[in-house]
PDB file of N, CA and C in Angstrom:
ATOM      1  N   MET A   1     -14.142 -15.063  -0.649  1.00  0.00           N
ATOM      2  CA  MET A   1     -13.857 -14.024  -1.761  1.00  0.00           C
ATOM      3  C   MET A   1     -13.355 -14.801  -2.764  1.00  0.00           C
ATOM      4  N   ASP A   2     -13.939 -14.570  -4.059  1.00  0.00           N
ATOM      5  CA  ASP A   2     -13.502 -15.254  -5.157  1.00  0.00           C
ATOM      6  C   ASP A   2     -12.266 -14.536  -5.861  1.00  0.00           C
ATOM      7  N   ASN A   3     -11.695 -15.206  -6.826  1.00  0.00           N
ATOM      8  CA  ASN A   3     -10.603 -14.673  -7.523  1.00  0.00           C
ATOM      9  C   ASN A   3     -10.691 -13.215  -7.935  1.00  0.00           C
ATOM     10  N   LYS A   4     -11.803 -12.975  -8.660  1.00  0.00           N
ATOM     11  CA  LYS A   4     -12.178 -11.692  -9.098  1.00  0.00           C
ATOM     12  C   LYS A   4     -12.140 -10.576  -7.991  1.00  0.00           C
ATOM     13  N   ASP A   5     -12.828 -10.906  -6.998  1.00  0.00           N
ATOM     14  CA  ASP A   5     -12.882 -10.012  -5.905  1.00  0.00           C
ATOM     15  C   ASP A   5     -11.632  -9.717  -5.138  1.00  0.00           C
ATOM     16  N   LYS A   6     -10.904 -10.838  -5.166  1.00  0.00           N
ATOM     17  CA  LYS A   6      -9.447 -10.694  -4.547  1.00  0.00           C
ATOM     18  C   LYS A   6      -8.579  -9.719  -5.477  1.00  0.00           C
ATOM     19  N   LYS A   7      -8.685  -9.929  -6.731  1.00  0.00           N
ATOM     20  CA  LYS A   7      -7.920  -9.047  -7.690  1.00  0.00           C
ATOM     21  C   LYS A   7      -8.292  -7.617  -7.448  1.00  0.00           C
ATOM     22  N   ILE A   8      -9.611  -7.399  -7.391  1.00  0.00           N
ATOM     23  CA  ILE A   8     -10.144  -5.958  -7.282  1.00  0.00           C
ATOM     24  C   ILE A   8      -9.687  -5.519  -5.952  1.00  0.00           C
ATOM     25  N   ALA A   9      -9.629  -6.297  -4.886  1.00  0.00           N
ATOM     26  CA  ALA A   9      -9.295  -5.877  -3.558  1.00  0.00           C
ATOM     27  C   ALA A   9      -7.705  -5.476  -3.592  1.00  0.00           C
ATOM     28  N   ASP A  10      -6.994  -6.273  -4.131  1.00  0.00           N
ATOM     29  CA  ASP A  10      -5.581  -6.000  -4.303  1.00  0.00           C
ATOM     30  C   ASP A  10      -5.371  -4.718  -5.105  1.00  0.00           C
ATOM     31  N   GLU A  11      -6.094  -4.545  -6.156  1.00  0.00           N
ATOM     32  CA  GLU A  11      -5.860  -3.244  -6.839  1.00  0.00           C
ATOM     33  C   GLU A  11      -6.184  -2.035  -6.047  1.00  0.00           C
ATOM     34  N   VAL A  12      -7.230  -2.105  -5.260  1.00  0.00           N
ATOM     35  CA  VAL A  12      -7.606  -1.109  -4.398  1.00  0.00           C
ATOM     36  C   VAL A  12      -6.537  -0.840  -3.285  1.00  0.00           C
ATOM     37  N   ILE A  13      -5.965  -1.903  -2.786  1.00  0.00           N
ATOM     38  CA  ILE A  13      -4.997  -1.846  -1.625  1.00  0.00           C
ATOM     39  C   ILE A  13      -3.713  -1.206  -2.354  1.00  0.00           C
ATOM     40  N   LEU A  14      -3.298  -1.543  -3.524  1.00  0.00           N
ATOM     41  CA  LEU A  14      -2.215  -0.971  -4.249  1.00  0.00           C
ATOM     42  C   LEU A  14      -2.396   0.522  -4.449  1.00  0.00           C
ATOM     43  N   LYS A  15      -3.546   0.851  -4.983  1.00  0.00           N
ATOM     44  CA  LYS A  15      -3.929   2.463  -5.107  1.00  0.00           C
ATOM     45  C   LYS A  15      -3.816   3.253  -3.733  1.00  0.00           C
ATOM     46  N   VAL A  16      -4.300   2.655  -2.746  1.00  0.00           N
ATOM     47  CA  VAL A  16      -4.273   3.239  -1.366  1.00  0.00           C
ATOM     48  C   VAL A  16      -2.815   3.489  -0.983  1.00  0.00           C
ATOM     49  N   SER A  17      -2.034   2.323  -1.113  1.00  0.00           N
ATOM     50  CA  SER A  17      -0.704   2.289  -0.715  1.00  0.00           C
ATOM     51  C   SER A  17       0.106   3.417  -1.468  1.00  0.00           C
ATOM     52  N   LYS A  18      -0.205   3.503  -2.711  1.00  0.00           N
ATOM     53  CA  LYS A  18       0.522   4.593  -3.580  1.00  0.00           C
ATOM     54  C   LYS A  18       0.213   5.876  -3.073  1.00  0.00           C
ATOM     55  N   GLU A  19      -1.043   6.057  -2.803  1.00  0.00           N
ATOM     56  CA  GLU A  19      -1.361   7.445  -2.342  1.00  0.00           C
ATOM     57  C   GLU A  19      -0.791   7.865  -0.991  1.00  0.00           C
ATOM     58  N   ILE A  20      -0.664   6.849  -0.106  1.00  0.00           N
ATOM     59  CA  ILE A  20       0.021   7.063   1.164  1.00  0.00           C
ATOM     60  C   ILE A  20       1.536   7.288   0.831  1.00  0.00           C
ATOM     61  N   ALA A  21       1.992   6.522   0.096  1.00  0.00           N
ATOM     62  CA  ALA A  21       3.513   6.607  -0.301  1.00  0.00           C
ATOM     63  C   ALA A  21       3.711   7.988  -0.957  1.00  0.00           C
ATOM     64  N   ILE A  22       2.914   8.489  -1.607  1.00  0.00           N
ATOM     65  CA  ILE A  22       3.054   9.799  -2.215  1.00  0.00           C
ATOM     66  C   ILE A  22       2.897  10.853  -1.230  1.00  0.00           C
ATOM     67  N   LYS A  23       2.116  10.738  -0.286  1.00  0.00           N
ATOM     68  CA  LYS A  23       1.917  11.616   0.930  1.00  0.00           C
ATOM     69  C   LYS A  23       3.198  11.648   1.811  1.00  0.00           C
ATOM     70  N   PHE A  24       3.711  10.467   2.133  1.00  0.00           N
ATOM     71  CA  PHE A  24       4.889  10.285   3.011  1.00  0.00           C
ATOM     72  C   PHE A  24       6.088  10.962   2.197  1.00  0.00           C
ATOM     73  N   ILE A  25       6.213  10.991   0.853  1.00  0.00           N
ATOM     74  CA  ILE A  25       7.198  11.659   0.019  1.00  0.00           C
ATOM     75  C   ILE A  25       7.050  13.192   0.177  1.00  0.00           C
ATOM     76  N   GLU A  26       5.919  13.487   0.018  1.00  0.00           N
ATOM     77  CA  GLU A  26       5.626  14.930   0.127  1.00  0.00           C
ATOM     78  C   GLU A  26       6.141  15.494   1.525  1.00  0.00           C
ATOM     79  N   VAL A  27       5.817  14.763   2.552  1.00  0.00           N
ATOM     80  CA  VAL A  27       6.032  15.344   3.766  1.00  0.00           C
ATOM     81  C   VAL A  27       7.461  14.916   4.373  1.00  0.00           C
ATOM     82  N   GLY A  28       8.227  14.171   3.598  1.00  0.00           N
ATOM     83  CA  GLY A  28       9.583  13.843   3.876  1.00  0.00           C
ATOM     84  C   GLY A  28       9.794  12.591   4.749  1.00  0.00           C
ATOM     85  N   ARG A  29       8.783  11.826   4.934  1.00  0.00           N
ATOM     86  CA  ARG A  29       8.907  10.545   5.631  1.00  0.00           C
ATOM     87  C   ARG A  29       9.314   9.399   4.880  1.00  0.00           C
ATOM     88  N   LEU A  30       9.367   9.658   3.601  1.00  0.00           N
ATOM     89  CA  LEU A  30       9.733   8.501   2.668  1.00  0.00           C
ATOM     90  C   LEU A  30      10.645   9.371   1.558  1.00  0.00           C
ATOM     91  N   THR A  31      11.707   8.647   1.145  1.00  0.00           N
ATOM     92  CA  THR A  31      12.496   9.375   0.008  1.00  0.00           C
ATOM     93  C   THR A  31      12.567   8.325  -1.164  1.00  0.00           C
ATOM     94  N   PRO A  32      12.913   8.942  -2.334  1.00  0.00           N
ATOM     95  CA  PRO A  32      13.040   7.919  -3.372  1.00  0.00           C
ATOM     96  C   PRO A  32      14.019   6.840  -3.127  1.00  0.00           C
ATOM     97  N   VAL A  33      15.132   7.188  -2.252  1.00  0.00           N
ATOM     98  CA  VAL A  33      16.068   6.159  -1.891  1.00  0.00           C
ATOM     99  C   VAL A  33      15.410   5.085  -1.101  1.00  0.00           C
ATOM    100  N   SER A  34      14.435   5.409  -0.178  1.00  0.00           N
ATOM    101  CA  SER A  34      13.993   4.506   0.721  1.00  0.00           C
ATOM    102  C   SER A  34      12.739   3.935   0.268  1.00  0.00           C
ATOM    103  N   PHE A  35      12.204   4.298  -0.943  1.00  0.00           N
ATOM    104  CA  PHE A  35      11.002   3.799  -1.493  1.00  0.00           C
ATOM    105  C   PHE A  35      11.043   2.414  -1.629  1.00  0.00           C
ATOM    106  N   GLU A  36      12.207   1.616  -1.990  1.00  0.00           N
ATOM    107  CA  GLU A  36      12.157   0.292  -2.258  1.00  0.00           C
ATOM    108  C   GLU A  36      11.890  -0.555  -1.068  1.00  0.00           C
ATOM    109  N   THR A  37      12.185  -0.096   0.035  1.00  0.00           N
ATOM    110  CA  THR A  37      11.938  -0.790   1.321  1.00  0.00           C
ATOM    111  C   THR A  37      10.598  -0.385   1.928  1.00  0.00           C
ATOM    112  N   GLY A  38      10.215   1.002   1.809  1.00  0.00           N
ATOM    113  CA  GLY A  38       9.215   1.576   2.467  1.00  0.00           C
ATOM    114  C   GLY A  38       7.900   1.145   1.792  1.00  0.00           C
ATOM    115  N   PHE A  39       7.875   1.214   0.432  1.00  0.00           N
ATOM    116  CA  PHE A  39       6.428   0.844  -0.075  1.00  0.00           C
ATOM    117  C   PHE A  39       5.991  -0.544   0.218  1.00  0.00           C
ATOM    118  N   PRO A  40       6.831  -1.604   0.059  1.00  0.00           N
ATOM    119  CA  PRO A  40       6.301  -2.860   0.469  1.00  0.00           C
ATOM    120  C   PRO A  40       5.554  -2.982   1.918  1.00  0.00           C
ATOM    121  N   LYS A  41       6.406  -2.179   2.760  1.00  0.00           N
ATOM    122  CA  LYS A  41       5.923  -2.130   4.346  1.00  0.00           C
ATOM    123  C   LYS A  41       4.531  -1.460   4.291  1.00  0.00           C
ATOM    124  N   ILE A  42       4.421  -0.390   3.515  1.00  0.00           N
ATOM    125  CA  ILE A  42       3.051   0.392   3.554  1.00  0.00           C
ATOM    126  C   ILE A  42       2.030  -0.655   3.016  1.00  0.00           C
ATOM    127  N   PHE A  43       2.378  -1.279   1.801  1.00  0.00           N
ATOM    128  CA  PHE A  43       1.324  -2.260   1.220  1.00  0.00           C
ATOM    129  C   PHE A  43       0.980  -3.350   2.110  1.00  0.00           C
ATOM    130  N   GLU A  44       1.896  -3.844   2.793  1.00  0.00           N
ATOM    131  CA  GLU A  44       1.670  -5.184   3.568  1.00  0.00           C
ATOM    132  C   GLU A  44       0.905  -4.774   4.939  1.00  0.00           C
ATOM    133  N   THR A  45       1.199  -3.571   5.416  1.00  0.00           N
ATOM    134  CA  THR A  45       0.511  -3.137   6.499  1.00  0.00           C
ATOM    135  C   THR A  45      -0.999  -2.956   6.196  1.00  0.00           C
ATOM    136  N   ILE A  46      -1.242  -2.220   5.062  1.00  0.00           N
ATOM    137  CA  ILE A  46      -2.598  -1.990   4.716  1.00  0.00           C
ATOM    138  C   ILE A  46      -3.288  -3.394   4.261  1.00  0.00           C
ATOM    139  N   LYS A  47      -2.732  -4.192   3.670  1.00  0.00           N
ATOM    140  CA  LYS A  47      -3.392  -5.563   3.286  1.00  0.00           C
ATOM    141  C   LYS A  47      -3.757  -6.351   4.583  1.00  0.00           C
ATOM    142  N   GLU A  48      -2.821  -6.401   5.444  1.00  0.00           N
ATOM    143  CA  GLU A  48      -2.925  -7.152   6.799  1.00  0.00           C
ATOM    144  C   GLU A  48      -4.288  -6.319   7.496  1.00  0.00           C
ATOM    145  N   THR A  49      -4.220  -5.117   7.522  1.00  0.00           N
ATOM    146  CA  THR A  49      -5.308  -4.522   8.162  1.00  0.00           C
ATOM    147  C   THR A  49      -6.762  -4.776   7.524  1.00  0.00           C
ATOM    148  N   VAL A  50      -6.766  -4.692   6.173  1.00  0.00           N
ATOM    149  CA  VAL A  50      -7.971  -5.024   5.533  1.00  0.00           C
ATOM    150  C   VAL A  50      -8.306  -6.499   5.721  1.00  0.00           C
ATOM    151  N   GLU A  51      -7.374  -7.428   5.621  1.00  0.00           N
ATOM    152  CA  GLU A  51      -7.765  -8.806   5.936  1.00  0.00           C
ATOM    153  C   GLU A  51      -8.295  -9.089   7.259  1.00  0.00           C
ATOM    154  N   LYS A  52      -7.942  -8.322   8.251  1.00  0.00           N
ATOM    155  CA  LYS A  52      -8.298  -8.585   9.606  1.00  0.00           C
ATOM    156  C   LYS A  52      -9.758  -8.010   9.737  1.00  0.00           C
ATOM    157  N   SER A  53     -10.187  -7.219   8.951  1.00  0.00           N
ATOM    158  CA  SER A  53     -11.500  -6.679   9.249  1.00  0.00           C
ATOM    159  C   SER A  53     -12.580  -7.278   8.379  1.00  0.00           C
TER     160      SER A  53
END
């Protein structure tokens, strides 16, 4: 994967992570207070999953 593809992949992962975080906030599993620690966990989990496949 070249640098341009990696940048695009990271942008997609970021967008997906954001959507999941929004859903978690909507259902009460993530709060604005816990966002600082919760969002990086969501992002890293998705990134690891994508890199494994």
